[in-house]
């Protein structure tokens, strides 16, 4: 039976991982914000993939698809981690939009502009990963810290590659 912590429904038994409830509640809120940003970023990249035009179409179409597929894997792992720590991941797009810092990007088809938006989005996600990894480390949640560190390394490499494309 779900329990309540700070007014929010928990997905599993209270304190089942033996971590401090208040810190884990705060981490859950942070991870759901990150999940929201991931969903907005994912949809933006899908839009770039579908709509990019110009001489770089073939290269960017493939790179955007590679990126959104990896982002989708990160979304799934992040949502499952939220459940594992005892909470419920947001799952309605309206919740993602109201919790995300990233904004929807519409009607961009120029390759360089698409890549600029990807660079900005990756930079923001990387910053959030670092912040929330520090929070999870403080909560002694080493698994979340490890997951966010792994995500950061991958996104940093992709950021470097897209930055080199736009030089």
Protein backbone atom coordinates (compact mmCIF):
# COMPACT_ATOMS: atom_id res chain seq x y z
CA UNK A 1 0.00 0.00 0.00
CA UNK A 2 1.44 3.41 -0.92
CA UNK A 3 2.44 5.69 1.94
CA UNK A 4 2.57 9.46 2.02
CA UNK A 5 5.71 11.52 2.48
CA UNK A 6 5.45 15.31 2.47
CA UNK A 7 2.04 14.99 0.82
CA UNK A 8 3.14 12.85 -2.14
CA UNK A 9 2.30 9.25 -2.72
CA UNK A 10 5.19 6.84 -2.52
CA UNK A 11 5.37 3.81 -4.77
CA UNK A 12 6.73 1.36 -2.20
CA UNK A 13 7.41 0.82 1.48
CA UNK A 14 8.76 3.75 3.43
CA UNK A 15 12.54 3.83 3.78
CA UNK A 16 13.00 0.43 2.14
CA UNK A 17 16.55 1.34 1.06
CA UNK A 18 17.56 2.57 4.49
CA UNK A 19 18.28 6.09 3.25
CA UNK A 20 17.14 9.29 4.97
CA UNK A 21 13.52 9.99 3.99
CA UNK A 22 13.79 13.78 3.77
CA UNK A 23 16.87 13.67 1.53
CA UNK A 24 15.31 10.99 -0.66
CA UNK A 25 12.09 13.00 -0.99
CA UNK A 26 14.15 16.00 -2.14
CA UNK A 27 16.14 13.79 -4.53
CA UNK A 28 12.89 12.38 -5.94
CA UNK A 29 11.69 15.91 -6.71
CA UNK A 30 15.00 16.69 -8.42
CA UNK A 31 14.94 13.49 -10.46
CA UNK A 32 11.38 14.17 -11.60
CA UNK A 33 12.48 17.65 -12.72
CA UNK A 34 15.35 16.04 -14.63
CA UNK A 35 12.92 13.50 -16.10
CA UNK A 36 10.75 16.41 -17.27
CA UNK A 37 13.69 18.15 -18.93
CA UNK A 38 14.70 14.89 -20.57
CA UNK A 39 11.22 14.46 -22.08
CA UNK A 40 11.16 17.99 -23.49
CA UNK A 41 14.69 17.56 -24.86
CA UNK A 42 13.77 14.18 -26.35
CA UNK A 43 10.79 15.65 -28.17
CA UNK A 44 12.84 18.61 -29.40
CA UNK A 45 15.49 16.29 -30.84
CA UNK A 46 12.79 14.14 -32.47
CA UNK A 47 11.45 17.29 -34.11
CA UNK A 48 14.93 18.19 -35.39
CA UNK A 49 15.32 14.65 -36.72
CA UNK A 50 12.03 14.85 -38.62
CA UNK A 51 12.37 18.41 -39.89
CA UNK A 52 16.04 19.18 -40.53
CA UNK A 53 16.77 20.31 -44.08
CA UNK A 54 19.77 21.33 -46.11
CA UNK A 55 23.12 19.98 -47.18
CA UNK A 56 23.78 18.40 -43.76
CA UNK A 57 20.47 16.52 -43.75
CA UNK A 58 21.90 13.01 -44.05
CA UNK A 59 24.50 13.47 -41.31
CA UNK A 60 22.23 15.30 -38.89
CA UNK A 61 19.22 13.09 -39.46
CA UNK A 62 21.31 10.10 -38.34
CA UNK A 63 22.99 11.91 -35.43
CA UNK A 64 19.68 13.24 -34.09
CA UNK A 65 18.24 9.72 -34.22
CA UNK A 66 21.25 8.33 -32.33
CA UNK A 67 20.83 11.08 -29.73
CA UNK A 68 17.10 10.67 -29.15
CA UNK A 69 17.48 6.88 -28.87
CA UNK A 70 20.10 7.33 -26.12
CA UNK A 71 18.00 9.98 -24.41
CA UNK A 72 15.06 7.56 -24.46
CA UNK A 73 17.19 4.92 -22.72
CA UNK A 74 18.21 7.49 -20.10
CA UNK A 75 14.56 8.43 -19.58
CA UNK A 76 13.63 4.81 -18.90
CA UNK A 77 16.54 4.24 -16.52
CA UNK A 78 15.82 7.50 -14.69
CA UNK A 79 12.10 6.71 -14.28
CA UNK A 80 12.91 3.22 -13.02
CA UNK A 81 15.36 4.69 -10.52
CA UNK A 82 12.64 6.99 -9.18
CA UNK A 83 10.45 3.92 -8.63
CA UNK A 84 13.36 2.03 -7.05
CA UNK A 85 13.96 4.78 -4.48
CA UNK A 86 10.28 4.55 -3.57
CA UNK A 87 8.50 7.26 -5.54
CA UNK A 88 6.47 7.68 -8.71
CA UNK A 89 7.90 9.21 -11.85
CA UNK A 90 5.89 11.89 -13.57
CA UNK A 91 4.29 10.47 -16.68
CA UNK A 92 1.94 13.07 -18.19
CA UNK A 93 3.38 15.44 -20.76
CA UNK A 94 1.54 18.34 -19.10
CA UNK A 95 3.51 17.54 -15.91
CA UNK A 96 6.75 17.47 -17.88
CA UNK A 97 6.04 20.86 -19.42
CA UNK A 98 5.14 22.44 -16.08
CA UNK A 99 8.23 21.01 -14.32
CA UNK A 100 10.87 21.40 -17.03
CA UNK A 101 13.33 24.24 -17.38
CA UNK A 102 13.86 23.40 -21.04
CA UNK A 103 11.37 24.90 -23.45
CA UNK A 104 9.72 23.29 -26.44
CA UNK A 105 11.38 24.21 -29.72
CA UNK A 106 9.09 24.39 -32.73
CA UNK A 107 9.52 24.81 -36.46
CA UNK A 108 13.32 24.77 -36.62
CA UNK A 109 14.66 23.09 -39.75
CA UNK A 110 18.04 24.72 -40.35
CA UNK A 111 20.77 22.24 -39.39
CA UNK A 112 23.02 24.76 -37.63
CA UNK A 113 20.09 26.11 -35.60
CA UNK A 114 19.01 22.59 -34.66
CA UNK A 115 22.54 21.77 -33.53
CA UNK A 116 22.72 25.01 -31.49
CA UNK A 117 19.54 23.99 -29.68
CA UNK A 118 20.97 20.51 -29.09
CA UNK A 119 24.17 22.03 -27.68
CA UNK A 120 22.19 24.27 -25.31
CA UNK A 121 19.95 21.39 -24.20
CA UNK A 122 22.87 19.03 -23.61
CA UNK A 123 24.69 21.71 -21.62
CA UNK A 124 21.69 22.26 -19.42
CA UNK A 125 21.13 18.53 -18.84
CA UNK A 126 24.80 18.07 -17.97
CA UNK A 127 24.56 20.88 -15.42
CA UNK A 128 21.50 19.27 -13.86
CA UNK A 129 23.24 15.88 -13.74
CA UNK A 130 26.17 17.37 -11.83
CA UNK A 131 23.90 19.18 -9.36
CA UNK A 132 21.67 16.17 -8.73
CA UNK A 133 24.65 13.78 -8.53
CA UNK A 134 26.00 15.96 -5.71
CA UNK A 135 22.57 15.81 -4.04
CA UNK A 136 22.38 12.04 -4.40
CA UNK A 137 25.92 11.72 -3.05
CA UNK A 138 24.91 13.78 -0.02
CA UNK A 139 21.91 11.46 0.46
CA UNK A 140 24.34 8.49 0.29
CA UNK A 141 22.45 7.16 -2.74
CA UNK A 142 25.49 5.84 -4.56
CA UNK A 143 23.45 4.08 -7.25
CA UNK A 144 21.77 7.32 -8.37
CA UNK A 145 25.11 9.11 -8.23
CA UNK A 146 26.66 6.41 -10.42
CA UNK A 147 23.76 6.53 -12.90
CA UNK A 148 23.96 10.33 -13.23
CA UNK A 149 27.74 10.19 -13.59
CA UNK A 150 27.42 7.65 -16.40
CA UNK A 151 24.80 9.79 -18.14
CA UNK A 152 27.03 12.86 -17.79
CA UNK A 153 30.02 11.19 -19.43
CA UNK A 154 27.94 10.15 -22.43
CA UNK A 155 26.25 13.52 -22.83
CA UNK A 156 29.56 15.38 -22.50
CA UNK A 157 30.99 13.37 -25.40
CA UNK A 158 27.90 14.10 -27.51
CA UNK A 159 28.13 17.79 -26.56
CA UNK A 160 31.73 17.87 -27.74
CA UNK A 161 30.78 16.26 -31.06
CA UNK A 162 27.86 18.60 -31.77
CA UNK A 163 30.02 21.58 -30.76
CA UNK A 164 32.68 20.53 -33.25
CA UNK A 165 30.01 20.23 -35.95
CA UNK A 166 28.92 23.83 -35.38
CA UNK A 167 32.46 25.31 -35.53
